[in-house]
Amino acid sequence: MLETLHQLDTDLFLWLNGQYAPWLDPVMVWITARNSWIPFYVLLVGWLGYRFRWRAVPLVLTLVVAVALSDQMASSLLKPLTHRLRPCHVSALQPLIHPVLPCGGQYGFASSHAANAFALAAGLWFLLGQQYRWLGWGFLWAFAVAYSRIYVGAHYPLDVVAGAGIGVFMASVSVRVYQQFTPATRPH
């Protein structure tokens, strides 16, 4: 069963990674680079501060906790526990992969990029989605970040799906804690 799942995951990875275009390579490198999104994060914190004033502090802290928990779950717990090699570190796959970036760390399950992006998107949605429906576009951004990890050859599809699940779960937990401790100061 696990061997079949791994083979399906590998086949899907090879197909998705093989759907590349030279013009898309720099776009995916930009999307996958963590520092590319710093202006977005600054704008987001600025918007939250402008819109909610002092009430933005617990919102931002909730989002930071969700991202930190998802990152630690993926990087510090699951990667060392599972020891699943990134596809770019599997010698039999290397000739079949479209490499865009150097391979990076040895293990890939689960994707920290996907976990962190989905933690932020889900956290924003759970906190403010009823009030600001446009925040749902954050999931498209998170999907693009997750897909970029497959495109550059760093993760299998199940790595990014697991990362996305971790991110949504940690956002849910963080928002529940926020709601328990700040019922009188919730944004409205």
Protein backbone atom coordinates (compact mmCIF):
# COMPACT_ATOMS: atom_id res chain seq x y z
CA MET A 1 0.00 0.00 0.00
CA LEU A 2 2.69 2.52 0.99
CA GLU A 3 4.81 1.53 -2.01
CA THR A 4 1.84 2.13 -4.33
CA LEU A 5 1.19 5.52 -2.73
CA HIS A 6 4.85 6.46 -3.06
CA GLN A 7 4.87 5.42 -6.72
CA LEU A 8 1.73 7.46 -7.45
CA ASP A 9 3.26 10.43 -5.65
CA THR A 10 6.48 10.06 -7.65
CA ASP A 11 4.61 9.74 -10.95
CA LEU A 12 2.51 12.82 -10.19
CA PHE A 13 5.65 14.73 -9.14
CA LEU A 14 7.44 13.84 -12.38
CA TRP A 15 4.42 14.89 -14.44
CA LEU A 16 3.93 18.19 -12.60
CA ASN A 17 7.65 18.99 -12.55
CA GLY A 18 7.78 18.18 -16.25
CA GLN A 19 5.14 20.83 -17.03
CA TYR A 20 7.67 23.64 -17.15
CA ALA A 21 8.36 26.53 -19.46
CA PRO A 22 11.59 28.53 -19.59
CA TRP A 23 9.70 31.82 -19.05
CA LEU A 24 8.05 30.36 -15.94
CA ASP A 25 11.32 29.32 -14.24
CA PRO A 26 12.19 32.82 -12.89
CA VAL A 27 8.58 33.36 -11.84
CA MET A 28 8.59 30.14 -9.81
CA VAL A 29 11.99 30.95 -8.32
CA TRP A 30 10.59 34.32 -7.21
CA ILE A 31 7.43 32.72 -5.79
CA THR A 32 9.36 30.07 -3.88
CA ALA A 33 11.93 32.50 -2.42
CA ARG A 34 10.98 33.45 1.13
CA ASN A 35 12.40 36.97 0.90
CA SER A 36 10.22 37.77 -2.14
CA TRP A 37 7.22 38.06 0.16
CA ILE A 38 8.66 40.46 2.75
CA PRO A 39 6.92 43.49 1.15
CA PHE A 40 3.64 41.55 1.19
CA TYR A 41 4.05 40.77 4.89
CA VAL A 42 4.91 44.41 5.68
CA LEU A 43 1.82 45.60 3.77
CA LEU A 44 -0.33 43.02 5.54
CA VAL A 45 0.85 44.08 9.01
CA GLY A 46 0.46 47.74 7.97
CA TRP A 47 -3.11 47.13 6.78
CA LEU A 48 -3.98 45.25 9.98
CA GLY A 49 -2.50 48.08 12.06
CA TYR A 50 -4.34 50.73 10.08
CA ARG A 51 -7.65 48.89 10.14
CA PHE A 52 -7.64 47.55 13.72
CA ARG A 53 -5.21 49.85 15.54
CA TRP A 54 -4.20 48.28 18.88
CA ARG A 55 -6.46 45.28 18.23
CA ALA A 56 -4.05 44.28 15.44
CA VAL A 57 -1.42 43.18 17.96
CA PRO A 58 -3.20 39.96 19.04
CA LEU A 59 -4.18 39.32 15.41
CA VAL A 60 -0.58 39.55 14.22
CA LEU A 61 0.62 37.46 17.17
CA THR A 62 -1.97 34.80 16.35
CA LEU A 63 -0.74 34.66 12.75
CA VAL A 64 2.90 34.53 13.85
CA VAL A 65 2.14 31.67 16.26
CA ALA A 66 0.25 29.75 13.56
CA VAL A 67 3.14 30.08 11.12
CA ALA A 68 5.75 29.25 13.77
CA LEU A 69 3.86 26.15 14.90
CA SER A 70 3.36 24.94 11.34
CA ASP A 71 7.01 25.55 10.51
CA GLN A 72 8.21 23.65 13.55
CA MET A 73 5.80 20.77 12.94
CA ALA A 74 7.09 20.37 9.38
CA SER A 75 10.79 21.13 9.85
CA SER A 76 11.66 20.10 13.38
CA LEU A 77 9.29 17.18 13.86
CA LEU A 78 8.22 15.52 10.61
CA LYS A 79 11.34 15.91 8.45
CA PRO A 80 13.68 14.31 11.03
CA LEU A 81 11.04 11.73 11.94
CA THR A 82 10.19 10.51 8.43
CA HIS A 83 13.58 10.94 6.70
CA ARG A 84 11.83 11.14 3.33
CA LEU A 85 14.34 12.37 0.79
CA ARG A 86 13.46 15.31 -1.39
CA PRO A 87 12.95 14.13 -4.98
CA CYS A 88 16.00 16.12 -6.07
CA HIS A 89 18.12 13.99 -3.68
CA VAL A 90 16.89 10.68 -5.15
CA SER A 91 19.61 9.67 -7.61
CA ALA A 92 17.23 7.64 -9.82
CA LEU A 93 15.02 10.73 -10.29
CA GLN A 94 17.74 13.32 -10.86
CA PRO A 95 18.00 12.77 -14.64
CA LEU A 96 14.19 13.07 -14.91
CA ILE A 97 13.77 16.29 -12.92
CA HIS A 98 13.73 19.82 -14.29
CA PRO A 99 16.10 21.44 -11.78
CA VAL A 100 15.55 25.15 -11.27
CA LEU A 101 17.34 25.69 -7.96
CA PRO A 102 19.95 23.83 -5.92
CA CYS A 103 18.27 21.00 -4.06
CA GLY A 104 18.37 22.30 -0.50
CA GLY A 105 17.94 20.24 2.67
CA GLN A 106 18.01 16.48 2.52
CA TYR A 107 14.47 15.72 3.73
CA GLY A 108 11.20 17.01 2.36
CA PHE A 109 8.19 15.63 4.24
CA ALA A 110 6.39 17.90 4.96
CA SER A 111 6.88 21.11 3.03
CA SER A 112 7.55 24.02 5.37
CA HIS A 113 6.82 26.50 2.58
CA ALA A 114 3.36 25.00 2.09
CA ALA A 115 2.74 24.75 5.83
CA ASN A 116 3.68 28.36 6.45
CA ALA A 117 1.81 29.80 3.48
CA PHE A 118 -1.36 27.89 4.32
CA ALA A 119 -1.06 28.80 8.02
CA LEU A 120 -1.02 32.48 7.08
CA ALA A 121 -3.82 32.21 4.50
CA ALA A 122 -6.04 30.10 6.76
CA GLY A 123 -5.28 32.22 9.82
CA LEU A 124 -6.34 35.37 8.01
CA TRP A 125 -9.45 33.65 6.69
CA PHE A 126 -10.46 32.21 10.07
CA LEU A 127 -9.88 35.55 11.81
CA LEU A 128 -11.28 37.99 9.26
CA GLY A 129 -12.74 36.10 6.30
CA GLN A 130 -16.37 36.78 7.18
CA GLN A 131 -15.67 40.49 7.25
CA TYR A 132 -13.24 40.65 4.33
CA ARG A 133 -14.17 38.02 1.75
CA TRP A 134 -11.27 39.05 -0.48
CA LEU A 135 -8.91 37.39 2.03
CA GLY A 136 -9.93 34.12 0.39
CA TRP A 137 -7.46 35.05 -2.37
CA GLY A 138 -4.78 34.21 0.17
CA PHE A 139 -5.44 30.55 -0.53
CA LEU A 140 -4.53 31.09 -4.18
CA TRP A 141 -1.26 32.67 -3.04
CA ALA A 142 -0.63 29.73 -0.69
CA PHE A 143 -1.38 27.27 -3.50
CA ALA A 144 1.10 29.09 -5.78
CA VAL A 145 3.80 28.88 -3.09
CA ALA A 146 3.07 25.18 -2.55
CA TYR A 147 3.05 24.40 -6.27
CA SER A 148 6.33 26.28 -6.75
CA ARG A 149 7.98 23.71 -4.47
CA ILE A 150 7.02 20.92 -6.87
CA TYR A 151 7.96 23.02 -9.90
CA VAL A 152 11.51 23.66 -8.61
CA GLY A 153 11.94 19.97 -7.78
CA ALA A 154 12.11 20.32 -3.99
CA HIS A 155 8.95 18.41 -2.95
CA TYR A 156 6.62 15.63 -3.91
CA PRO A 157 2.90 16.51 -4.13
CA LEU A 158 2.15 14.70 -0.85
CA ASP A 159 4.82 16.80 0.86
CA VAL A 160 2.98 19.98 -0.08
CA VAL A 161 -0.48 18.52 0.66
CA ALA A 162 0.73 17.48 4.12
CA GLY A 163 2.29 20.91 4.62
CA ALA A 164 -0.95 22.61 3.61
CA GLY A 165 -2.89 20.43 6.05
CA ILE A 166 -0.48 21.23 8.85
CA GLY A 167 -0.77 24.94 8.11
CA VAL A 168 -4.57 24.93 8.13
CA PHE A 169 -4.64 22.85 11.31
CA MET A 170 -2.17 25.09 13.16
CA ALA A 171 -4.07 28.19 12.03
CA SER A 172 -7.29 26.65 13.34
CA VAL A 173 -5.72 25.88 16.72
CA SER A 174 -4.11 29.33 16.99
CA VAL A 175 -7.34 31.13 16.10
CA ARG A 176 -9.30 29.07 18.64
CA VAL A 177 -6.82 30.07 21.35
CA TYR A 178 -7.06 33.70 20.22
CA GLN A 179 -10.86 33.54 20.41
CA GLN A 180 -10.72 32.05 23.91
CA PHE A 181 -8.45 34.74 25.28
CA THR A 182 -9.66 37.83 23.44
CA PRO A 183 -13.47 37.62 23.15
CA ALA A 184 -14.00 41.28 24.09
CA THR A 185 -11.40 42.62 21.66
CA ARG A 186 -12.23 40.64 18.53
CA PRO A 187 -12.14 42.73 15.35
CA HIS A 188 -15.47 44.04 14.12
